[in-house]
Amino acid sequence: MNSFTEGYNTEQLFAHMASKRGWNVIPATKNENIHHHIDYFLKKDNHTISVDVKSQKRESRRLLQQEDWHVIEFVGVTYPMSNLVNFSKTSFNPQSPDFSLGSGRKGWIYGDAEFIVFELIRSFIFVNRNELLAYCSTAITFSPLTTTAQQAKYRAYSRANRGDLLSYVNKKDLCHLSSEKWHKPIVLQ
């Protein structure tokens, strides 16, 4: 299964769980999803929140999904890949980002979603996006860039020909920042 399918399935499960919890789930428009990094608006009792749902990731394409390390995207990826777009060796300042150093696309950490919802094996956790950005701004080392994803734990990393800027943050820190946790339904196979 590819990462797009895994992400779609995670978003669908989250939307189903939100609906079961009494939220009116309104999918974001294509523009809101692509340019504002919002997957859903959740409405309940005259209260609306916007969320960007993140599935569990693999540390490499060949490995299984894992829940310990989660990607933080500072500069978005270039589609399609291009050897003309790479992230500049210039140091990135997360408090005053210059997206032109890479692909020109802001990463989801700078999107408009109020909450980033991270998938764990048995639950979803809600992290306020602004609080996550503030935490990552101090916890991650942005210079020098690391050259491999395996070295990108709390260090900035850019993939060749992608123009992106990423890092990995441990789930313990995300859980510490989390304001809410939804347990997934138990499925017996």
N, C-alpha and C. Protein backbone atom coordinates (compact mmCIF):
# COMPACT_ATOMS: atom_id res chain seq x y z
N MET A 1 0.86 -1.17 0.00
CA MET A 1 0.00 0.00 0.00
C MET A 1 0.91 1.24 0.00
N ASN A 2 0.58 2.23 -0.85
CA ASN A 2 1.43 3.43 -0.90
C ASN A 2 0.99 4.46 0.15
N SER A 3 1.83 5.47 0.34
CA SER A 3 1.58 6.45 1.40
C SER A 3 0.31 7.26 1.17
N PHE A 4 -0.05 7.49 -0.11
CA PHE A 4 -1.28 8.24 -0.37
C PHE A 4 -2.51 7.43 0.05
N THR A 5 -2.50 6.12 -0.25
CA THR A 5 -3.61 5.24 0.13
C THR A 5 -3.68 5.13 1.65
N GLU A 6 -2.53 4.97 2.29
CA GLU A 6 -2.51 4.89 3.75
C GLU A 6 -3.06 6.17 4.37
N GLY A 7 -2.64 7.32 3.83
CA GLY A 7 -3.13 8.60 4.33
C GLY A 7 -4.63 8.75 4.15
N TYR A 8 -5.13 8.37 2.97
CA TYR A 8 -6.57 8.44 2.69
C TYR A 8 -7.35 7.56 3.66
N ASN A 9 -6.88 6.33 3.87
CA ASN A 9 -7.56 5.41 4.79
C ASN A 9 -7.57 5.95 6.22
N THR A 10 -6.48 6.56 6.64
CA THR A 10 -6.40 7.16 7.97
C THR A 10 -7.40 8.30 8.09
N GLU A 11 -7.48 9.16 7.08
CA GLU A 11 -8.42 10.27 7.10
C GLU A 11 -9.86 9.76 7.16
N GLN A 12 -10.16 8.71 6.41
CA GLN A 12 -11.52 8.15 6.42
C GLN A 12 -11.88 7.57 7.78
N LEU A 13 -10.93 6.85 8.40
CA LEU A 13 -11.18 6.30 9.74
C LEU A 13 -11.41 7.43 10.73
N PHE A 14 -10.59 8.47 10.67
CA PHE A 14 -10.76 9.60 11.58
C PHE A 14 -12.13 10.25 11.39
N ALA A 15 -12.54 10.49 10.14
CA ALA A 15 -13.84 11.11 9.86
C ALA A 15 -14.97 10.25 10.41
N HIS A 16 -14.86 8.94 10.25
CA HIS A 16 -15.88 8.03 10.77
C HIS A 16 -15.96 8.12 12.30
N MET A 17 -14.79 8.13 12.94
CA MET A 17 -14.76 8.23 14.40
C MET A 17 -15.34 9.56 14.88
N ALA A 18 -15.02 10.65 14.19
CA ALA A 18 -15.54 11.96 14.56
C ALA A 18 -17.06 11.98 14.45
N SER A 19 -17.57 11.41 13.38
CA SER A 19 -19.02 11.34 13.18
C SER A 19 -19.69 10.54 14.30
N LYS A 20 -19.09 9.43 14.66
CA LYS A 20 -19.63 8.59 15.75
C LYS A 20 -19.60 9.32 17.09
N ARG A 21 -18.71 10.29 17.23
CA ARG A 21 -18.61 11.09 18.46
C ARG A 21 -19.52 12.31 18.42
N GLY A 22 -20.36 12.41 17.40
CA GLY A 22 -21.34 13.49 17.33
C GLY A 22 -20.89 14.74 16.60
N TRP A 23 -19.73 14.69 15.95
CA TRP A 23 -19.26 15.84 15.19
C TRP A 23 -19.84 15.81 13.79
N ASN A 24 -20.21 16.96 13.27
CA ASN A 24 -20.57 17.09 11.87
C ASN A 24 -19.25 17.26 11.13
N VAL A 25 -18.91 16.31 10.27
CA VAL A 25 -17.62 16.28 9.58
C VAL A 25 -17.78 16.88 8.19
N ILE A 26 -17.10 17.99 7.94
CA ILE A 26 -17.18 18.67 6.65
C ILE A 26 -15.81 18.60 5.98
N PRO A 27 -15.70 17.84 4.89
CA PRO A 27 -14.41 17.76 4.21
C PRO A 27 -14.00 19.14 3.68
N ALA A 28 -12.72 19.44 3.76
CA ALA A 28 -12.20 20.68 3.21
C ALA A 28 -12.29 20.62 1.68
N THR A 29 -12.34 21.79 1.07
CA THR A 29 -12.31 21.83 -0.40
C THR A 29 -10.91 21.42 -0.86
N LYS A 30 -10.77 21.15 -2.13
CA LYS A 30 -9.46 20.80 -2.69
C LYS A 30 -8.46 21.93 -2.44
N ASN A 31 -8.89 23.17 -2.62
CA ASN A 31 -8.03 24.33 -2.37
C ASN A 31 -7.62 24.41 -0.90
N GLU A 32 -8.59 24.22 0.01
CA GLU A 32 -8.28 24.26 1.45
C GLU A 32 -7.31 23.15 1.82
N ASN A 33 -7.48 21.98 1.21
CA ASN A 33 -6.61 20.85 1.51
C ASN A 33 -5.20 21.09 1.00
N ILE A 34 -5.06 21.49 -0.25
CA ILE A 34 -3.75 21.65 -0.87
C ILE A 34 -3.01 22.88 -0.38
N HIS A 35 -3.68 24.00 -0.32
CA HIS A 35 -3.00 25.27 -0.02
C HIS A 35 -3.07 25.70 1.44
N HIS A 36 -4.05 25.19 2.18
CA HIS A 36 -4.21 25.60 3.57
C HIS A 36 -3.96 24.45 4.55
N HIS A 37 -3.72 23.25 4.03
CA HIS A 37 -3.40 22.07 4.84
C HIS A 37 -4.49 21.78 5.87
N ILE A 38 -5.72 21.75 5.40
CA ILE A 38 -6.87 21.38 6.23
C ILE A 38 -7.55 20.19 5.56
N ASP A 39 -7.80 19.13 6.34
CA ASP A 39 -8.53 17.97 5.82
C ASP A 39 -10.02 18.07 6.12
N TYR A 40 -10.36 18.48 7.35
CA TYR A 40 -11.76 18.53 7.76
C TYR A 40 -12.03 19.72 8.67
N PHE A 41 -13.30 20.14 8.64
CA PHE A 41 -13.84 21.05 9.64
C PHE A 41 -14.80 20.20 10.47
N LEU A 42 -14.66 20.24 11.78
CA LEU A 42 -15.54 19.49 12.68
C LEU A 42 -16.42 20.50 13.40
N LYS A 43 -17.75 20.28 13.32
CA LYS A 43 -18.70 21.19 13.97
C LYS A 43 -19.55 20.41 14.98
N LYS A 44 -19.72 21.05 16.15
CA LYS A 44 -20.53 20.44 17.19
C LYS A 44 -20.88 21.53 18.20
N ASP A 45 -22.15 21.63 18.55
CA ASP A 45 -22.60 22.59 19.58
C ASP A 45 -22.07 24.00 19.32
N ASN A 46 -22.26 24.52 18.11
CA ASN A 46 -21.83 25.86 17.72
C ASN A 46 -20.32 26.08 17.86
N HIS A 47 -19.57 25.00 17.82
CA HIS A 47 -18.11 25.07 17.90
C HIS A 47 -17.53 24.39 16.66
N THR A 48 -16.58 25.05 16.00
CA THR A 48 -15.95 24.50 14.80
C THR A 48 -14.44 24.48 14.99
N ILE A 49 -13.82 23.35 14.63
CA ILE A 49 -12.37 23.27 14.62
C ILE A 49 -11.93 22.74 13.25
N SER A 50 -10.74 23.11 12.86
CA SER A 50 -10.17 22.60 11.60
C SER A 50 -9.00 21.68 11.95
N VAL A 51 -8.90 20.56 11.20
CA VAL A 51 -7.87 19.57 11.49
C VAL A 51 -7.16 19.13 10.21
N ASP A 52 -5.90 18.77 10.39
CA ASP A 52 -5.09 18.15 9.35
C ASP A 52 -4.66 16.81 9.93
N VAL A 53 -5.09 15.71 9.32
CA VAL A 53 -4.88 14.37 9.84
C VAL A 53 -3.61 13.77 9.25
N LYS A 54 -2.74 13.24 10.11
CA LYS A 54 -1.47 12.66 9.70
C LYS A 54 -1.43 11.17 10.06
N SER A 55 -1.22 10.33 9.06
CA SER A 55 -1.13 8.89 9.30
C SER A 55 0.24 8.53 9.85
N GLN A 56 0.34 7.31 10.37
CA GLN A 56 1.63 6.80 10.80
C GLN A 56 2.55 6.74 9.59
N LYS A 57 3.82 6.88 9.80
CA LYS A 57 4.78 6.91 8.69
C LYS A 57 5.75 5.76 8.77
N ARG A 58 6.43 5.57 7.67
CA ARG A 58 7.52 4.60 7.59
C ARG A 58 8.82 5.40 7.68
N GLU A 59 9.84 4.82 8.27
CA GLU A 59 11.13 5.50 8.28
C GLU A 59 11.82 5.37 6.93
N SER A 60 11.39 4.40 6.14
CA SER A 60 11.81 4.31 4.74
C SER A 60 10.73 3.52 4.02
N ARG A 61 10.73 3.58 2.70
CA ARG A 61 9.69 2.92 1.91
C ARG A 61 9.63 1.41 2.16
N ARG A 62 10.76 0.81 2.52
CA ARG A 62 10.82 -0.64 2.68
C ARG A 62 10.39 -1.11 4.07
N LEU A 63 10.30 -0.21 5.02
CA LEU A 63 9.96 -0.60 6.39
C LEU A 63 8.46 -0.49 6.64
N LEU A 64 8.00 -1.20 7.67
CA LEU A 64 6.59 -1.14 8.06
C LEU A 64 6.29 0.21 8.71
N GLN A 65 4.99 0.53 8.74
CA GLN A 65 4.58 1.74 9.45
C GLN A 65 4.99 1.61 10.91
N GLN A 66 5.30 2.74 11.52
CA GLN A 66 5.67 2.77 12.92
C GLN A 66 5.05 4.00 13.55
N GLU A 67 4.91 3.99 14.86
CA GLU A 67 4.26 5.12 15.52
C GLU A 67 5.20 5.95 16.38
N ASP A 68 6.45 5.55 16.49
CA ASP A 68 7.36 6.26 17.38
C ASP A 68 7.82 7.61 16.85
N TRP A 69 7.99 7.74 15.54
CA TRP A 69 8.52 8.96 14.93
C TRP A 69 7.55 9.52 13.91
N HIS A 70 7.27 10.82 14.01
CA HIS A 70 6.32 11.47 13.12
C HIS A 70 6.98 12.62 12.38
N VAL A 71 6.66 12.72 11.11
CA VAL A 71 7.24 13.73 10.24
C VAL A 71 6.63 15.10 10.54
N ILE A 72 7.49 16.11 10.58
CA ILE A 72 7.06 17.50 10.63
C ILE A 72 7.54 18.12 9.32
N GLU A 73 6.63 18.74 8.57
CA GLU A 73 6.96 19.30 7.27
C GLU A 73 7.02 20.83 7.36
N PHE A 74 8.21 21.38 7.14
CA PHE A 74 8.41 22.82 7.18
C PHE A 74 8.29 23.45 5.79
N VAL A 75 8.84 22.79 4.80
CA VAL A 75 8.73 23.23 3.40
C VAL A 75 8.17 22.04 2.63
N GLY A 76 7.11 22.30 1.85
CA GLY A 76 6.43 21.24 1.13
C GLY A 76 7.26 20.67 0.00
N VAL A 77 6.87 19.49 -0.41
CA VAL A 77 7.56 18.75 -1.46
C VAL A 77 7.21 19.29 -2.85
N THR A 78 8.13 19.13 -3.78
CA THR A 78 7.91 19.49 -5.18
C THR A 78 7.30 18.30 -5.91
N TYR A 79 6.20 18.51 -6.60
CA TYR A 79 5.60 17.49 -7.46
C TYR A 79 5.58 18.03 -8.87
N PRO A 80 6.00 17.31 -9.87
CA PRO A 80 6.77 16.07 -9.75
C PRO A 80 8.19 16.38 -9.32
N MET A 81 8.97 15.32 -9.04
CA MET A 81 10.38 15.52 -8.67
C MET A 81 11.08 16.31 -9.75
N SER A 82 12.01 17.13 -9.35
CA SER A 82 12.76 17.94 -10.30
C SER A 82 14.17 18.14 -9.80
N ASN A 83 15.15 17.88 -10.67
CA ASN A 83 16.52 18.11 -10.25
C ASN A 83 16.86 19.60 -10.26
N LEU A 84 15.87 20.43 -10.64
CA LEU A 84 16.07 21.88 -10.62
C LEU A 84 15.71 22.49 -9.28
N VAL A 85 15.00 21.71 -8.44
CA VAL A 85 14.55 22.24 -7.15
C VAL A 85 15.17 21.44 -6.02
N ASN A 86 16.02 22.07 -5.27
CA ASN A 86 16.61 21.48 -4.08
C ASN A 86 16.57 22.53 -2.98
N PHE A 87 16.64 22.06 -1.75
CA PHE A 87 16.63 23.00 -0.64
C PHE A 87 18.00 23.65 -0.54
N SER A 88 17.99 24.95 -0.40
CA SER A 88 19.23 25.72 -0.28
C SER A 88 19.98 25.33 0.98
N LYS A 89 21.26 25.42 0.94
CA LYS A 89 22.10 25.15 2.11
C LYS A 89 22.00 26.29 3.13
N THR A 90 21.29 27.36 2.76
CA THR A 90 21.08 28.48 3.66
C THR A 90 20.26 28.00 4.85
N SER A 91 20.61 28.43 6.05
CA SER A 91 19.91 28.00 7.25
C SER A 91 18.45 28.46 7.23
N PHE A 92 17.56 27.59 7.63
CA PHE A 92 16.13 27.86 7.70
C PHE A 92 15.78 28.37 9.08
N ASN A 93 15.02 29.46 9.15
CA ASN A 93 14.56 30.01 10.42
C ASN A 93 13.08 29.69 10.55
N PRO A 94 12.69 28.78 11.45
CA PRO A 94 11.29 28.37 11.55
C PRO A 94 10.36 29.48 12.01
N GLN A 95 10.89 30.50 12.70
CA GLN A 95 10.06 31.61 13.15
C GLN A 95 9.83 32.66 12.07
N SER A 96 10.68 32.66 11.06
CA SER A 96 10.56 33.59 9.93
C SER A 96 10.92 32.83 8.66
N PRO A 97 10.04 31.90 8.26
CA PRO A 97 10.40 30.98 7.18
C PRO A 97 10.48 31.63 5.80
N ASP A 98 11.46 31.19 5.04
CA ASP A 98 11.61 31.60 3.65
C ASP A 98 11.44 30.35 2.80
N PHE A 99 10.22 30.16 2.28
CA PHE A 99 9.91 28.95 1.53
C PHE A 99 10.59 28.91 0.17
N SER A 100 11.09 30.04 -0.29
CA SER A 100 11.76 30.07 -1.60
C SER A 100 13.11 29.36 -1.54
N LEU A 101 13.59 29.02 -0.34
CA LEU A 101 14.84 28.29 -0.23
C LEU A 101 14.71 26.87 -0.78
N GLY A 102 13.50 26.41 -0.94
CA GLY A 102 13.26 25.06 -1.45
C GLY A 102 12.22 25.09 -2.55
N SER A 103 11.16 24.34 -2.35
CA SER A 103 10.12 24.18 -3.37
C SER A 103 9.26 25.43 -3.56
N GLY A 104 9.28 26.33 -2.57
CA GLY A 104 8.39 27.49 -2.63
C GLY A 104 7.05 27.24 -1.98
N ARG A 105 6.83 26.01 -1.47
CA ARG A 105 5.55 25.64 -0.86
C ARG A 105 5.69 25.53 0.66
N LYS A 106 4.81 26.21 1.38
CA LYS A 106 4.86 26.11 2.83
C LYS A 106 4.46 24.70 3.26
N GLY A 107 5.15 24.22 4.27
CA GLY A 107 4.83 22.91 4.82
C GLY A 107 3.58 22.97 5.68
N TRP A 108 3.03 21.81 6.01
CA TRP A 108 1.77 21.79 6.75
C TRP A 108 1.88 22.40 8.15
N ILE A 109 3.07 22.47 8.71
CA ILE A 109 3.21 23.09 10.03
C ILE A 109 2.86 24.58 9.98
N TYR A 110 2.88 25.17 8.78
CA TYR A 110 2.51 26.57 8.58
C TYR A 110 1.13 26.71 7.95
N GLY A 111 0.36 25.64 7.94
CA GLY A 111 -0.97 25.67 7.36
C GLY A 111 -1.96 26.39 8.27
N ASP A 112 -3.22 26.27 7.93
CA ASP A 112 -4.28 26.97 8.66
C ASP A 112 -5.09 26.08 9.60
N ALA A 113 -4.76 24.79 9.66
CA ALA A 113 -5.50 23.90 10.57
C ALA A 113 -5.22 24.30 12.01
N GLU A 114 -6.26 24.29 12.81
CA GLU A 114 -6.10 24.59 14.23
C GLU A 114 -5.37 23.44 14.94
N PHE A 115 -5.70 22.21 14.54
CA PHE A 115 -5.10 21.03 15.16
C PHE A 115 -4.50 20.11 14.11
N ILE A 116 -3.35 19.54 14.46
CA ILE A 116 -2.78 18.44 13.70
C ILE A 116 -3.18 17.19 14.47
N VAL A 117 -3.80 16.24 13.78
CA VAL A 117 -4.24 15.01 14.41
C VAL A 117 -3.32 13.89 13.94
N PHE A 118 -2.55 13.35 14.87
CA PHE A 118 -1.59 12.30 14.55
C PHE A 118 -2.19 10.94 14.85
N GLU A 119 -2.03 10.02 13.90
CA GLU A 119 -2.47 8.65 14.11
C GLU A 119 -1.39 7.88 14.87
N LEU A 120 -1.82 7.19 15.91
CA LEU A 120 -0.98 6.22 16.60
C LEU A 120 -1.61 4.84 16.36
N ILE A 121 -0.98 3.80 16.82
CA ILE A 121 -1.51 2.45 16.56
C ILE A 121 -2.92 2.30 17.12
N ARG A 122 -3.15 2.77 18.34
CA ARG A 122 -4.44 2.56 18.99
C ARG A 122 -5.27 3.81 19.18
N SER A 123 -4.78 4.95 18.68
CA SER A 123 -5.51 6.19 18.93
C SER A 123 -5.14 7.28 17.94
N PHE A 124 -5.86 8.39 18.04
CA PHE A 124 -5.52 9.64 17.36
C PHE A 124 -5.30 10.67 18.46
N ILE A 125 -4.25 11.49 18.32
CA ILE A 125 -4.02 12.56 19.29
C ILE A 125 -4.09 13.91 18.59
N PHE A 126 -4.67 14.89 19.28
CA PHE A 126 -4.83 16.25 18.77
C PHE A 126 -3.73 17.13 19.35
N VAL A 127 -2.99 17.81 18.46
CA VAL A 127 -1.95 18.74 18.90
C VAL A 127 -2.23 20.09 18.26
N ASN A 128 -2.29 21.13 19.08
CA ASN A 128 -2.48 22.47 18.55
C ASN A 128 -1.32 22.81 17.62
N ARG A 129 -1.62 23.20 16.39
CA ARG A 129 -0.58 23.44 15.39
C ARG A 129 0.38 24.54 15.82
N ASN A 130 -0.12 25.63 16.38
CA ASN A 130 0.76 26.73 16.81
C ASN A 130 1.70 26.30 17.94
N GLU A 131 1.18 25.51 18.87
CA GLU A 131 2.03 25.00 19.96
C GLU A 131 3.08 24.03 19.42
N LEU A 132 2.70 23.23 18.45
CA LEU A 132 3.65 22.30 17.83
C LEU A 132 4.76 23.07 17.11
N LEU A 133 4.39 24.11 16.39
CA LEU A 133 5.39 24.93 15.70
C LEU A 133 6.36 25.56 16.70
N ALA A 134 5.83 26.10 17.79
CA ALA A 134 6.69 26.72 18.80
C ALA A 134 7.65 25.68 19.39
N TYR A 135 7.13 24.49 19.67
CA TYR A 135 7.98 23.43 20.22
C TYR A 135 9.07 23.04 19.22
N CYS A 136 8.68 22.79 17.97
CA CYS A 136 9.63 22.36 16.95
C CYS A 136 10.68 23.42 16.66
N SER A 137 10.31 24.67 16.79
CA SER A 137 11.26 25.76 16.52
C SER A 137 12.45 25.73 17.45
N THR A 138 12.25 25.20 18.65
CA THR A 138 13.36 25.13 19.61
C THR A 138 13.95 23.73 19.72
N ALA A 139 13.16 22.69 19.45
CA ALA A 139 13.63 21.31 19.65
C ALA A 139 14.42 20.76 18.47
N ILE A 140 14.24 21.34 17.28
CA ILE A 140 14.87 20.80 16.08
C ILE A 140 16.07 21.64 15.69
N THR A 141 17.13 20.98 15.28
CA THR A 141 18.33 21.63 14.77
C THR A 141 18.18 21.80 13.26
N PHE A 142 18.28 23.04 12.79
CA PHE A 142 18.04 23.33 11.37
C PHE A 142 19.32 23.48 10.55
N SER A 143 20.45 23.53 11.21
CA SER A 143 21.69 23.67 10.46
C SER A 143 22.80 22.96 11.22
N PRO A 144 23.61 22.17 10.55
CA PRO A 144 23.53 21.83 9.14
C PRO A 144 22.45 20.80 8.88
N LEU A 145 21.99 20.71 7.63
CA LEU A 145 20.99 19.70 7.25
C LEU A 145 21.63 18.33 7.31
N THR A 146 20.83 17.35 7.71
CA THR A 146 21.30 15.98 7.68
C THR A 146 21.07 15.41 6.28
N THR A 147 21.77 14.36 5.95
CA THR A 147 21.69 13.83 4.59
C THR A 147 20.82 12.60 4.44
N THR A 148 20.34 12.03 5.56
CA THR A 148 19.49 10.85 5.47
C THR A 148 18.30 10.98 6.41
N ALA A 149 17.22 10.29 6.08
CA ALA A 149 16.03 10.30 6.92
C ALA A 149 16.33 9.68 8.28
N GLN A 150 17.19 8.67 8.32
CA GLN A 150 17.52 8.02 9.58
C GLN A 150 18.20 8.98 10.57
N GLN A 151 18.87 10.01 10.05
CA GLN A 151 19.53 11.00 10.91
C GLN A 151 18.62 12.19 11.24
N ALA A 152 17.39 12.19 10.73
CA ALA A 152 16.52 13.37 10.82
C ALA A 152 15.68 13.45 12.08
N LYS A 153 16.05 12.73 13.10
CA LYS A 153 15.33 12.81 14.37
C LYS A 153 15.79 14.07 15.09
N TYR A 154 14.89 15.05 15.14
CA TYR A 154 15.15 16.38 15.71
C TYR A 154 16.23 17.14 14.94
N ARG A 155 16.42 16.78 13.68
CA ARG A 155 17.34 17.49 12.80
C ARG A 155 16.64 17.69 11.46
N ALA A 156 16.90 18.82 10.81
CA ALA A 156 16.28 19.12 9.52
C ALA A 156 16.92 18.27 8.42
N TYR A 157 16.09 17.87 7.48
CA TYR A 157 16.47 16.98 6.39
C TYR A 157 15.75 17.40 5.13
N SER A 158 16.43 17.35 4.00
CA SER A 158 15.81 17.65 2.71
C SER A 158 16.14 16.52 1.74
N ARG A 159 15.13 16.04 1.04
CA ARG A 159 15.35 14.96 0.07
C ARG A 159 15.81 15.53 -1.26
N ALA A 160 16.75 14.87 -1.88
CA ALA A 160 17.28 15.31 -3.17
C ALA A 160 16.16 15.43 -4.19
N ASN A 161 16.16 16.52 -4.94
CA ASN A 161 15.21 16.77 -6.03
C ASN A 161 13.77 16.95 -5.57
N ARG A 162 13.55 17.19 -4.27
CA ARG A 162 12.19 17.37 -3.76
C ARG A 162 11.96 18.77 -3.22
N GLY A 163 12.99 19.50 -2.84
CA GLY A 163 12.84 20.87 -2.36
C GLY A 163 12.14 21.00 -1.03
N ASP A 164 11.99 19.89 -0.30
CA ASP A 164 11.27 19.92 0.97
C ASP A 164 12.22 20.07 2.15
N LEU A 165 11.65 20.32 3.31
CA LEU A 165 12.43 20.38 4.55
C LEU A 165 11.59 19.70 5.63
N LEU A 166 12.13 18.62 6.18
CA LEU A 166 11.41 17.77 7.12
C LEU A 166 12.23 17.52 8.36
N SER A 167 11.58 16.98 9.38
CA SER A 167 12.25 16.45 10.55
C SER A 167 11.32 15.42 11.16
N TYR A 168 11.86 14.59 12.05
CA TYR A 168 11.06 13.63 12.80
C TYR A 168 11.03 14.04 14.26
N VAL A 169 9.84 13.91 14.87
CA VAL A 169 9.65 14.19 16.29
C VAL A 169 9.07 12.93 16.92
N ASN A 170 9.51 12.63 18.13
CA ASN A 170 9.07 11.42 18.81
C ASN A 170 7.64 11.57 19.33
N LYS A 171 6.92 10.46 19.31
CA LYS A 171 5.51 10.47 19.76
C LYS A 171 5.38 10.89 21.22
N LYS A 172 6.38 10.62 22.05
CA LYS A 172 6.30 11.03 23.47
C LYS A 172 6.12 12.54 23.58
N ASP A 173 6.84 13.28 22.75
CA ASP A 173 6.70 14.74 22.79
C ASP A 173 5.35 15.18 22.24
N LEU A 174 4.88 14.50 21.20
CA LEU A 174 3.55 14.83 20.65
C LEU A 174 2.47 14.53 21.68
N CYS A 175 2.59 13.41 22.38
CA CYS A 175 1.61 13.07 23.41
C CYS A 175 1.63 14.09 24.54
N HIS A 176 2.82 14.58 24.87
CA HIS A 176 2.93 15.61 25.91
C HIS A 176 2.22 16.91 25.48
N LEU A 177 2.30 17.23 24.19
CA LEU A 177 1.65 18.43 23.67
C LEU A 177 0.16 18.23 23.38
N SER A 178 -0.27 17.00 23.36
CA SER A 178 -1.64 16.67 22.96
C SER A 178 -2.68 17.20 23.94
N SER A 179 -3.78 17.71 23.35
CA SER A 179 -4.88 18.21 24.17
C SER A 179 -6.05 17.22 24.24
N GLU A 180 -6.03 16.24 23.36
CA GLU A 180 -7.13 15.27 23.33
C GLU A 180 -6.65 13.99 22.67
N LYS A 181 -7.24 12.87 23.11
CA LYS A 181 -6.91 11.56 22.55
C LYS A 181 -8.20 10.80 22.28
N TRP A 182 -8.32 10.26 21.07
CA TRP A 182 -9.45 9.42 20.71
C TRP A 182 -8.94 8.00 20.49
N HIS A 183 -9.45 7.05 21.26
CA HIS A 183 -9.05 5.66 21.08
C HIS A 183 -9.76 5.06 19.88
N LYS A 184 -9.01 4.32 19.10
CA LYS A 184 -9.59 3.65 17.93
C LYS A 184 -10.45 2.48 18.39
N PRO A 185 -11.45 2.13 17.58
CA PRO A 185 -12.25 0.97 17.92
C PRO A 185 -11.39 -0.30 17.81
N ILE A 186 -11.67 -1.27 18.66
CA ILE A 186 -10.94 -2.53 18.62
C ILE A 186 -11.56 -3.40 17.54
N VAL A 187 -10.71 -3.90 16.66
CA VAL A 187 -11.17 -4.78 15.58
C VAL A 187 -10.51 -6.14 15.77
N LEU A 188 -11.34 -7.16 15.96
CA LEU A 188 -10.82 -8.52 16.11
C LEU A 188 -10.80 -9.19 14.73
N GLN A 189 -9.69 -9.81 14.42
CA GLN A 189 -9.60 -10.46 13.10
C GLN A 189 -9.54 -11.95 13.24
